[in-house]
Amino acid sequence: MDRSELYAEILNASRGNKDAIEHLIIRFMPLIKKNSAILNYDGADSDLIIFFIEKLYTLDTENLSRYSDSQLIMFYKTLFRNKAIDINRQRKKILECTENFEQDTIEIGYEDNPSFIFYDLIKDLSPKQQDVIKLKFMIGLSDVEIGQVMGITRQAVNRLYNRAILALRKSSGVISS
């Protein structure tokens, strides 16, 4: 593909041409897969594809017209790498936040910690269900962020959450077994 064809494809994609978007996703799939492997969580490739599509709509295509084919490829390579770095930083920050929170909870103790009741309520849930509930209610993360932290998809987070809530309702007597 020469420069004019690649730029034309980017221009068409930025204007909402679905075939052009699909073609560019296929064209840049090796970069998406490479950065997805670095991120190492389920759904990373989907997150990068969504990011790519969003960038196609928001980039200044007029500015891209001056780039050669190899420069455009390097531009997108850098774009994906920077996004992967950004996602890794976010995940690391969230993990540190949850670890600090749990450590603070352990150090405060039973009498002084109202969250101990919370931990007592969720003790019968599976470890993954507990993690989802803690991240959602104690840290305030979204399903997507929880999925990134736990290395699972948003849908898996939602399933774990729904099962945990059902189990909590059953154990509290709100729903009979």
N, C-alpha and C. Protein backbone atom coordinates (compact mmCIF):
# COMPACT_ATOMS: atom_id res chain seq x y z
N MET A 1 0.86 -1.17 0.00
CA MET A 1 0.00 0.00 0.00
C MET A 1 0.91 1.23 0.00
N ASP A 2 0.78 2.10 -0.96
CA ASP A 2 1.62 3.30 -0.97
C ASP A 2 0.99 4.38 -0.09
N ARG A 3 1.73 5.45 0.06
CA ARG A 3 1.34 6.52 0.98
C ARG A 3 -0.08 7.01 0.73
N SER A 4 -0.40 7.29 -0.48
CA SER A 4 -1.71 7.85 -0.78
C SER A 4 -2.84 6.88 -0.45
N GLU A 5 -2.61 5.59 -0.64
CA GLU A 5 -3.64 4.60 -0.31
C GLU A 5 -3.84 4.49 1.21
N LEU A 6 -2.74 4.46 1.97
CA LEU A 6 -2.85 4.37 3.42
C LEU A 6 -3.52 5.62 3.98
N TYR A 7 -3.08 6.78 3.54
CA TYR A 7 -3.69 8.02 4.01
C TYR A 7 -5.17 8.09 3.60
N ALA A 8 -5.47 7.67 2.37
CA ALA A 8 -6.86 7.67 1.91
C ALA A 8 -7.72 6.75 2.78
N GLU A 9 -7.15 5.61 3.16
CA GLU A 9 -7.88 4.67 4.02
C GLU A 9 -8.13 5.29 5.40
N ILE A 10 -7.13 5.96 5.94
CA ILE A 10 -7.28 6.64 7.23
C ILE A 10 -8.32 7.75 7.13
N LEU A 11 -8.27 8.50 6.06
CA LEU A 11 -9.23 9.58 5.84
C LEU A 11 -10.66 9.04 5.74
N ASN A 12 -10.82 7.97 4.96
CA ASN A 12 -12.15 7.34 4.83
C ASN A 12 -12.64 6.81 6.18
N ALA A 13 -11.74 6.19 6.93
CA ALA A 13 -12.11 5.66 8.24
C ALA A 13 -12.52 6.79 9.18
N SER A 14 -11.79 7.90 9.13
CA SER A 14 -12.12 9.03 10.01
C SER A 14 -13.48 9.64 9.68
N ARG A 15 -13.95 9.38 8.49
CA ARG A 15 -15.28 9.87 8.06
C ARG A 15 -16.38 8.85 8.28
N GLY A 16 -16.03 7.73 8.94
CA GLY A 16 -17.03 6.74 9.31
C GLY A 16 -17.22 5.60 8.34
N ASN A 17 -16.35 5.45 7.36
CA ASN A 17 -16.45 4.34 6.41
C ASN A 17 -16.08 3.04 7.12
N LYS A 18 -17.06 2.17 7.32
CA LYS A 18 -16.86 0.94 8.09
C LYS A 18 -15.88 -0.01 7.42
N ASP A 19 -15.90 -0.08 6.10
CA ASP A 19 -14.95 -0.95 5.39
C ASP A 19 -13.52 -0.46 5.60
N ALA A 20 -13.34 0.84 5.57
CA ALA A 20 -12.00 1.40 5.79
C ALA A 20 -11.54 1.14 7.22
N ILE A 21 -12.45 1.29 8.17
CA ILE A 21 -12.10 1.01 9.57
C ILE A 21 -11.69 -0.45 9.72
N GLU A 22 -12.49 -1.35 9.16
CA GLU A 22 -12.18 -2.78 9.24
C GLU A 22 -10.84 -3.09 8.59
N HIS A 23 -10.58 -2.51 7.43
CA HIS A 23 -9.32 -2.74 6.73
C HIS A 23 -8.13 -2.25 7.57
N LEU A 24 -8.28 -1.09 8.19
CA LEU A 24 -7.20 -0.56 9.02
C LEU A 24 -6.97 -1.40 10.28
N ILE A 25 -8.06 -1.90 10.86
CA ILE A 25 -7.91 -2.78 12.03
C ILE A 25 -7.12 -4.02 11.63
N ILE A 26 -7.47 -4.61 10.50
CA ILE A 26 -6.74 -5.79 10.01
C ILE A 26 -5.28 -5.42 9.72
N ARG A 27 -5.08 -4.29 9.11
CA ARG A 27 -3.71 -3.83 8.77
C ARG A 27 -2.85 -3.64 10.02
N PHE A 28 -3.45 -3.09 11.08
CA PHE A 28 -2.69 -2.81 12.30
C PHE A 28 -2.86 -3.88 13.37
N MET A 29 -3.50 -5.00 13.02
CA MET A 29 -3.70 -6.07 13.99
C MET A 29 -2.40 -6.59 14.60
N PRO A 30 -1.30 -6.74 13.85
CA PRO A 30 -0.06 -7.17 14.51
C PRO A 30 0.37 -6.22 15.64
N LEU A 31 0.21 -4.93 15.45
CA LEU A 31 0.55 -3.97 16.52
C LEU A 31 -0.42 -4.10 17.69
N ILE A 32 -1.68 -4.30 17.38
CA ILE A 32 -2.69 -4.47 18.42
C ILE A 32 -2.38 -5.72 19.22
N LYS A 33 -2.10 -6.82 18.55
CA LYS A 33 -1.79 -8.09 19.23
C LYS A 33 -0.52 -7.98 20.08
N LYS A 34 0.50 -7.32 19.53
CA LYS A 34 1.76 -7.17 20.26
C LYS A 34 1.53 -6.41 21.56
N ASN A 35 0.83 -5.30 21.50
CA ASN A 35 0.58 -4.50 22.70
C ASN A 35 -0.43 -5.16 23.63
N SER A 36 -1.34 -5.93 23.08
CA SER A 36 -2.27 -6.70 23.88
C SER A 36 -1.53 -7.76 24.69
N ALA A 37 -0.55 -8.40 24.08
CA ALA A 37 0.25 -9.40 24.79
C ALA A 37 1.05 -8.77 25.93
N ILE A 38 1.52 -7.56 25.72
CA ILE A 38 2.25 -6.85 26.76
C ILE A 38 1.32 -6.53 27.94
N LEU A 39 0.09 -6.14 27.62
CA LEU A 39 -0.89 -5.82 28.67
C LEU A 39 -1.30 -7.06 29.45
N ASN A 40 -1.42 -8.18 28.76
CA ASN A 40 -1.64 -9.48 29.39
C ASN A 40 -2.92 -9.54 30.25
N TYR A 41 -4.04 -9.12 29.70
CA TYR A 41 -5.33 -9.36 30.35
C TYR A 41 -6.38 -9.62 29.26
N ASP A 42 -7.40 -10.40 29.63
CA ASP A 42 -8.47 -10.68 28.68
C ASP A 42 -9.15 -9.38 28.27
N GLY A 43 -9.34 -9.21 26.99
CA GLY A 43 -10.01 -8.03 26.50
C GLY A 43 -9.08 -6.88 26.16
N ALA A 44 -7.77 -7.07 26.35
CA ALA A 44 -6.83 -5.98 26.03
C ALA A 44 -6.88 -5.64 24.55
N ASP A 45 -6.99 -6.67 23.70
CA ASP A 45 -7.06 -6.40 22.26
C ASP A 45 -8.33 -5.61 21.92
N SER A 46 -9.44 -5.94 22.57
CA SER A 46 -10.68 -5.19 22.34
C SER A 46 -10.53 -3.74 22.78
N ASP A 47 -9.90 -3.54 23.93
CA ASP A 47 -9.68 -2.18 24.42
C ASP A 47 -8.82 -1.38 23.44
N LEU A 48 -7.79 -2.03 22.90
CA LEU A 48 -6.91 -1.33 21.95
C LEU A 48 -7.61 -1.05 20.63
N ILE A 49 -8.47 -1.95 20.18
CA ILE A 49 -9.23 -1.73 18.95
C ILE A 49 -10.19 -0.56 19.14
N ILE A 50 -10.87 -0.52 20.28
CA ILE A 50 -11.78 0.59 20.57
C ILE A 50 -11.01 1.90 20.61
N PHE A 51 -9.85 1.89 21.27
CA PHE A 51 -9.00 3.08 21.31
C PHE A 51 -8.61 3.51 19.90
N PHE A 52 -8.24 2.54 19.05
CA PHE A 52 -7.83 2.82 17.68
C PHE A 52 -8.97 3.48 16.90
N ILE A 53 -10.17 2.93 17.02
CA ILE A 53 -11.33 3.49 16.32
C ILE A 53 -11.62 4.91 16.82
N GLU A 54 -11.55 5.10 18.14
CA GLU A 54 -11.76 6.44 18.69
C GLU A 54 -10.74 7.42 18.13
N LYS A 55 -9.49 6.99 18.03
CA LYS A 55 -8.43 7.86 17.51
C LYS A 55 -8.66 8.18 16.04
N LEU A 56 -9.17 7.20 15.29
CA LEU A 56 -9.45 7.45 13.87
C LEU A 56 -10.45 8.60 13.72
N TYR A 57 -11.42 8.68 14.63
CA TYR A 57 -12.43 9.72 14.56
C TYR A 57 -11.94 11.07 15.07
N THR A 58 -10.96 11.06 15.97
CA THR A 58 -10.58 12.31 16.62
C THR A 58 -9.27 12.91 16.13
N LEU A 59 -8.46 12.15 15.41
CA LEU A 59 -7.18 12.68 14.93
C LEU A 59 -7.36 13.73 13.85
N ASP A 60 -6.42 14.65 13.81
CA ASP A 60 -6.40 15.68 12.78
C ASP A 60 -5.84 15.05 11.50
N THR A 61 -6.72 14.60 10.62
CA THR A 61 -6.29 13.91 9.40
C THR A 61 -5.55 14.84 8.45
N GLU A 62 -5.84 16.10 8.53
CA GLU A 62 -5.13 17.07 7.68
C GLU A 62 -3.65 17.07 8.01
N ASN A 63 -3.35 16.96 9.27
CA ASN A 63 -1.96 16.90 9.72
C ASN A 63 -1.26 15.62 9.25
N LEU A 64 -2.01 14.53 9.18
CA LEU A 64 -1.44 13.24 8.77
C LEU A 64 -1.09 13.20 7.28
N SER A 65 -1.67 14.09 6.51
CA SER A 65 -1.46 14.05 5.06
C SER A 65 0.00 14.29 4.68
N ARG A 66 0.77 14.90 5.54
CA ARG A 66 2.17 15.19 5.21
C ARG A 66 3.11 14.03 5.53
N TYR A 67 2.58 12.97 6.17
CA TYR A 67 3.41 11.83 6.54
C TYR A 67 3.51 10.81 5.41
N SER A 68 4.69 10.18 5.32
CA SER A 68 4.86 9.07 4.38
C SER A 68 4.25 7.82 4.99
N ASP A 69 4.18 6.76 4.20
CA ASP A 69 3.63 5.49 4.65
C ASP A 69 4.35 5.00 5.90
N SER A 70 5.67 4.98 5.87
CA SER A 70 6.44 4.48 7.01
C SER A 70 6.26 5.38 8.23
N GLN A 71 6.13 6.69 8.03
CA GLN A 71 5.89 7.60 9.14
C GLN A 71 4.51 7.38 9.77
N LEU A 72 3.52 7.11 8.93
CA LEU A 72 2.18 6.82 9.45
C LEU A 72 2.18 5.54 10.29
N ILE A 73 2.89 4.54 9.80
CA ILE A 73 2.98 3.28 10.54
C ILE A 73 3.69 3.50 11.87
N MET A 74 4.78 4.25 11.86
CA MET A 74 5.50 4.56 13.10
C MET A 74 4.63 5.38 14.05
N PHE A 75 3.84 6.28 13.50
CA PHE A 75 2.93 7.09 14.31
C PHE A 75 1.95 6.18 15.06
N TYR A 76 1.33 5.24 14.35
CA TYR A 76 0.38 4.34 14.99
C TYR A 76 1.07 3.36 15.93
N LYS A 77 2.27 2.96 15.60
CA LYS A 77 3.05 2.09 16.49
C LYS A 77 3.28 2.80 17.82
N THR A 78 3.67 4.05 17.76
CA THR A 78 3.89 4.85 18.97
C THR A 78 2.59 5.08 19.72
N LEU A 79 1.51 5.31 18.99
CA LEU A 79 0.21 5.52 19.60
C LEU A 79 -0.22 4.30 20.42
N PHE A 80 -0.08 3.10 19.83
CA PHE A 80 -0.43 1.87 20.54
C PHE A 80 0.49 1.63 21.74
N ARG A 81 1.77 1.85 21.56
CA ARG A 81 2.72 1.64 22.66
C ARG A 81 2.40 2.58 23.82
N ASN A 82 2.13 3.85 23.52
CA ASN A 82 1.80 4.80 24.58
C ASN A 82 0.51 4.45 25.29
N LYS A 83 -0.47 3.96 24.55
CA LYS A 83 -1.74 3.55 25.17
C LYS A 83 -1.51 2.35 26.08
N ALA A 84 -0.70 1.39 25.64
CA ALA A 84 -0.39 0.22 26.47
C ALA A 84 0.32 0.65 27.75
N ILE A 85 1.25 1.57 27.65
CA ILE A 85 1.95 2.09 28.83
C ILE A 85 0.96 2.77 29.77
N ASP A 86 0.06 3.55 29.21
CA ASP A 86 -0.95 4.26 30.01
C ASP A 86 -1.86 3.27 30.74
N ILE A 87 -2.31 2.24 30.04
CA ILE A 87 -3.18 1.23 30.67
C ILE A 87 -2.42 0.51 31.78
N ASN A 88 -1.15 0.16 31.53
CA ASN A 88 -0.35 -0.51 32.57
C ASN A 88 -0.19 0.37 33.79
N ARG A 89 0.04 1.65 33.60
CA ARG A 89 0.16 2.58 34.73
C ARG A 89 -1.14 2.64 35.53
N GLN A 90 -2.26 2.70 34.82
CA GLN A 90 -3.56 2.73 35.49
C GLN A 90 -3.78 1.46 36.31
N ARG A 91 -3.47 0.32 35.71
CA ARG A 91 -3.65 -0.95 36.41
C ARG A 91 -2.76 -1.03 37.64
N LYS A 92 -1.52 -0.59 37.51
CA LYS A 92 -0.57 -0.62 38.63
C LYS A 92 -1.06 0.29 39.76
N LYS A 93 -1.53 1.48 39.41
CA LYS A 93 -2.04 2.42 40.40
C LYS A 93 -3.24 1.84 41.14
N ILE A 94 -4.14 1.21 40.41
CA ILE A 94 -5.33 0.61 41.02
C ILE A 94 -4.93 -0.53 41.95
N LEU A 95 -3.98 -1.37 41.51
CA LEU A 95 -3.52 -2.48 42.36
C LEU A 95 -2.88 -1.97 43.63
N GLU A 96 -2.05 -0.93 43.52
CA GLU A 96 -1.42 -0.34 44.70
C GLU A 96 -2.47 0.21 45.65
N CYS A 97 -3.47 0.84 45.09
CA CYS A 97 -4.55 1.42 45.89
C CYS A 97 -5.29 0.33 46.66
N THR A 98 -5.60 -0.77 46.02
CA THR A 98 -6.32 -1.85 46.69
C THR A 98 -5.45 -2.52 47.74
N GLU A 99 -4.15 -2.70 47.45
CA GLU A 99 -3.24 -3.30 48.43
C GLU A 99 -3.11 -2.41 49.65
N ASN A 100 -2.96 -1.10 49.46
CA ASN A 100 -2.87 -0.16 50.57
C ASN A 100 -4.14 -0.17 51.40
N PHE A 101 -5.27 -0.24 50.72
CA PHE A 101 -6.56 -0.26 51.42
C PHE A 101 -6.67 -1.49 52.29
N GLU A 102 -6.33 -2.64 51.74
CA GLU A 102 -6.43 -3.87 52.51
C GLU A 102 -5.45 -3.87 53.69
N GLN A 103 -4.24 -3.34 53.49
CA GLN A 103 -3.27 -3.26 54.56
C GLN A 103 -3.76 -2.34 55.67
N ASP A 104 -4.34 -1.19 55.29
CA ASP A 104 -4.89 -0.27 56.29
C ASP A 104 -6.01 -0.93 57.07
N THR A 105 -6.83 -1.72 56.39
CA THR A 105 -7.94 -2.40 57.04
C THR A 105 -7.43 -3.39 58.07
N ILE A 106 -6.37 -4.12 57.73
CA ILE A 106 -5.79 -5.10 58.66
C ILE A 106 -5.19 -4.39 59.86
N GLU A 107 -4.50 -3.28 59.65
CA GLU A 107 -3.81 -2.58 60.73
C GLU A 107 -4.76 -1.88 61.69
N ILE A 108 -5.92 -1.43 61.21
CA ILE A 108 -6.85 -0.70 62.07
C ILE A 108 -7.49 -1.63 63.10
N GLY A 109 -7.86 -2.82 62.69
CA GLY A 109 -8.44 -3.77 63.62
C GLY A 109 -9.96 -3.76 63.63
N TYR A 110 -10.51 -4.70 64.37
CA TYR A 110 -11.96 -4.96 64.39
C TYR A 110 -12.78 -3.81 64.98
N GLU A 111 -12.44 -3.38 66.20
CA GLU A 111 -13.28 -2.43 66.91
C GLU A 111 -13.38 -1.09 66.19
N ASP A 112 -12.26 -0.63 65.64
CA ASP A 112 -12.21 0.70 65.04
C ASP A 112 -12.56 0.72 63.56
N ASN A 113 -12.90 -0.40 63.00
CA ASN A 113 -13.07 -0.47 61.56
C ASN A 113 -14.47 -0.93 61.18
N PRO A 114 -15.32 0.01 60.76
CA PRO A 114 -16.67 -0.39 60.35
C PRO A 114 -16.67 -1.29 59.11
N SER A 115 -15.57 -1.25 58.33
CA SER A 115 -15.53 -2.10 57.15
C SER A 115 -15.34 -3.57 57.51
N PHE A 116 -15.02 -3.85 58.78
CA PHE A 116 -14.87 -5.25 59.19
C PHE A 116 -16.19 -5.98 59.00
N ILE A 117 -17.29 -5.29 59.26
CA ILE A 117 -18.62 -5.88 59.06
C ILE A 117 -18.79 -6.26 57.60
N PHE A 118 -18.32 -5.38 56.73
CA PHE A 118 -18.37 -5.64 55.29
C PHE A 118 -17.60 -6.92 54.96
N TYR A 119 -16.38 -7.05 55.50
CA TYR A 119 -15.57 -8.24 55.25
C TYR A 119 -16.24 -9.48 55.82
N ASP A 120 -16.90 -9.33 56.94
CA ASP A 120 -17.61 -10.46 57.54
C ASP A 120 -18.76 -10.91 56.63
N LEU A 121 -19.42 -9.95 55.99
CA LEU A 121 -20.54 -10.28 55.09
C LEU A 121 -20.08 -11.03 53.85
N ILE A 122 -18.91 -10.67 53.32
CA ILE A 122 -18.48 -11.27 52.06
C ILE A 122 -17.55 -12.47 52.23
N LYS A 123 -17.30 -12.88 53.47
CA LYS A 123 -16.33 -13.96 53.72
C LYS A 123 -16.71 -15.29 53.07
N ASP A 124 -17.99 -15.54 52.84
CA ASP A 124 -18.42 -16.81 52.25
C ASP A 124 -18.42 -16.81 50.72
N LEU A 125 -18.14 -15.65 50.13
CA LEU A 125 -18.06 -15.58 48.67
C LEU A 125 -16.74 -16.16 48.20
N SER A 126 -16.68 -16.52 46.92
CA SER A 126 -15.42 -16.99 46.35
C SER A 126 -14.41 -15.84 46.37
N PRO A 127 -13.12 -16.15 46.34
CA PRO A 127 -12.11 -15.08 46.35
C PRO A 127 -12.30 -14.07 45.21
N LYS A 128 -12.65 -14.55 44.03
CA LYS A 128 -12.86 -13.63 42.92
C LYS A 128 -14.09 -12.75 43.14
N GLN A 129 -15.16 -13.34 43.67
CA GLN A 129 -16.35 -12.55 43.97
C GLN A 129 -16.04 -11.49 45.03
N GLN A 130 -15.26 -11.87 46.04
CA GLN A 130 -14.85 -10.91 47.07
C GLN A 130 -14.07 -9.75 46.46
N ASP A 131 -13.14 -10.09 45.57
CA ASP A 131 -12.33 -9.05 44.93
C ASP A 131 -13.21 -8.08 44.14
N VAL A 132 -14.17 -8.62 43.39
CA VAL A 132 -15.06 -7.77 42.61
C VAL A 132 -15.86 -6.85 43.52
N ILE A 133 -16.41 -7.39 44.59
CA ILE A 133 -17.22 -6.59 45.51
C ILE A 133 -16.36 -5.51 46.18
N LYS A 134 -15.15 -5.87 46.62
CA LYS A 134 -14.26 -4.89 47.27
C LYS A 134 -13.86 -3.78 46.29
N LEU A 135 -13.48 -4.17 45.08
CA LEU A 135 -13.05 -3.17 44.10
C LEU A 135 -14.20 -2.24 43.69
N LYS A 136 -15.39 -2.82 43.61
CA LYS A 136 -16.55 -2.03 43.17
C LYS A 136 -17.02 -1.08 44.28
N PHE A 137 -17.17 -1.59 45.49
CA PHE A 137 -17.79 -0.80 46.55
C PHE A 137 -16.81 -0.07 47.46
N MET A 138 -15.65 -0.64 47.66
CA MET A 138 -14.71 0.00 48.58
C MET A 138 -13.74 0.92 47.86
N ILE A 139 -13.39 0.58 46.63
CA ILE A 139 -12.47 1.42 45.86
C ILE A 139 -13.23 2.28 44.86
N GLY A 140 -14.40 1.78 44.40
CA GLY A 140 -15.23 2.56 43.49
C GLY A 140 -14.85 2.43 42.02
N LEU A 141 -14.31 1.26 41.64
CA LEU A 141 -13.91 1.06 40.26
C LEU A 141 -15.09 0.63 39.39
N SER A 142 -14.99 0.92 38.12
CA SER A 142 -16.01 0.47 37.15
C SER A 142 -15.72 -0.98 36.78
N ASP A 143 -16.66 -1.62 36.10
CA ASP A 143 -16.48 -3.00 35.66
C ASP A 143 -15.26 -3.14 34.75
N VAL A 144 -15.06 -2.18 33.87
CA VAL A 144 -13.91 -2.23 32.95
C VAL A 144 -12.61 -2.15 33.74
N GLU A 145 -12.55 -1.23 34.71
CA GLU A 145 -11.33 -1.09 35.53
C GLU A 145 -11.09 -2.33 36.37
N ILE A 146 -12.14 -2.90 36.91
CA ILE A 146 -12.00 -4.14 37.69
C ILE A 146 -11.48 -5.25 36.79
N GLY A 147 -12.02 -5.33 35.58
CA GLY A 147 -11.55 -6.34 34.62
C GLY A 147 -10.07 -6.18 34.32
N GLN A 148 -9.62 -4.94 34.17
CA GLN A 148 -8.21 -4.69 33.90
C GLN A 148 -7.35 -5.11 35.09
N VAL A 149 -7.79 -4.80 36.28
CA VAL A 149 -7.03 -5.16 37.48
C VAL A 149 -6.96 -6.68 37.64
N MET A 150 -8.08 -7.35 37.42
CA MET A 150 -8.14 -8.79 37.64
C MET A 150 -7.71 -9.61 36.43
N GLY A 151 -7.55 -8.95 35.29
CA GLY A 151 -7.16 -9.66 34.09
C GLY A 151 -8.27 -10.48 33.47
N ILE A 152 -9.51 -9.97 33.61
CA ILE A 152 -10.67 -10.65 33.04
C ILE A 152 -11.50 -9.62 32.26
N THR A 153 -12.48 -10.11 31.53
CA THR A 153 -13.31 -9.20 30.73
C THR A 153 -14.34 -8.50 31.61
N ARG A 154 -14.91 -7.44 31.07
CA ARG A 154 -15.97 -6.71 31.76
C ARG A 154 -17.18 -7.63 31.99
N GLN A 155 -17.46 -8.49 31.00
CA GLN A 155 -18.58 -9.42 31.13
C GLN A 155 -18.36 -10.41 32.27
N ALA A 156 -17.12 -10.87 32.42
CA ALA A 156 -16.81 -11.80 33.52
C ALA A 156 -16.96 -11.09 34.87
N VAL A 157 -16.57 -9.84 34.92
CA VAL A 157 -16.74 -9.04 36.14
C VAL A 157 -18.23 -8.96 36.47
N ASN A 158 -19.04 -8.67 35.47
CA ASN A 158 -20.48 -8.55 35.67
C ASN A 158 -21.09 -9.86 36.17
N ARG A 159 -20.65 -10.98 35.60
CA ARG A 159 -21.16 -12.28 36.05
C ARG A 159 -20.77 -12.55 37.51
N LEU A 160 -19.51 -12.28 37.85
CA LEU A 160 -19.05 -12.48 39.23
C LEU A 160 -19.83 -11.58 40.19
N TYR A 161 -20.05 -10.35 39.79
CA TYR A 161 -20.80 -9.40 40.62
C TYR A 161 -22.23 -9.90 40.85
N ASN A 162 -22.91 -10.29 39.77
CA ASN A 162 -24.30 -10.76 39.89
C ASN A 162 -24.40 -12.00 40.76
N ARG A 163 -23.47 -12.92 40.61
CA ARG A 163 -23.47 -14.13 41.44
C ARG A 163 -23.19 -13.80 42.90
N ALA A 164 -22.29 -12.85 43.13
CA ALA A 164 -21.97 -12.43 44.51
C ALA A 164 -23.19 -11.79 45.16
N ILE A 165 -23.86 -10.91 44.45
CA ILE A 165 -25.05 -10.24 45.00
C ILE A 165 -26.14 -11.27 45.29
N LEU A 166 -26.32 -12.22 44.38
CA LEU A 166 -27.32 -13.27 44.61
C LEU A 166 -26.96 -14.09 45.85
N ALA A 167 -25.69 -14.44 46.00
CA ALA A 167 -25.24 -15.21 47.16
C ALA A 167 -25.44 -14.40 48.45
N LEU A 168 -25.16 -13.10 48.41
CA LEU A 168 -25.35 -12.25 49.59
C LEU A 168 -26.84 -12.15 49.96
N ARG A 169 -27.68 -12.05 48.95
CA ARG A 169 -29.12 -11.99 49.21
C ARG A 169 -29.61 -13.29 49.83
N LYS A 170 -29.13 -14.41 49.30
CA LYS A 170 -29.53 -15.71 49.85
C LYS A 170 -29.03 -15.88 51.29
N SER A 171 -27.78 -15.49 51.55
CA SER A 171 -27.22 -15.66 52.89
C SER A 171 -27.87 -14.73 53.91
N SER A 172 -28.40 -13.59 53.46
CA SER A 172 -29.06 -12.66 54.39
C SER A 172 -30.54 -12.97 54.56
N GLY A 173 -31.05 -13.91 53.76
CA GLY A 173 -32.45 -14.30 53.87
C GLY A 173 -33.38 -13.47 53.01
N VAL A 174 -32.85 -12.54 52.20
CA VAL A 174 -33.69 -11.72 51.33
C VAL A 174 -34.33 -12.60 50.27
N ILE A 175 -33.58 -13.60 49.81
CA ILE A 175 -34.08 -14.56 48.82
C ILE A 175 -33.94 -15.94 49.44
N SER A 176 -35.00 -16.75 49.36
CA SER A 176 -34.90 -18.10 49.90
C SER A 176 -34.21 -19.01 48.90
N SER A 177 -33.46 -19.96 49.42
CA SER A 177 -32.72 -20.89 48.57
C SER A 177 -33.68 -21.76 47.86
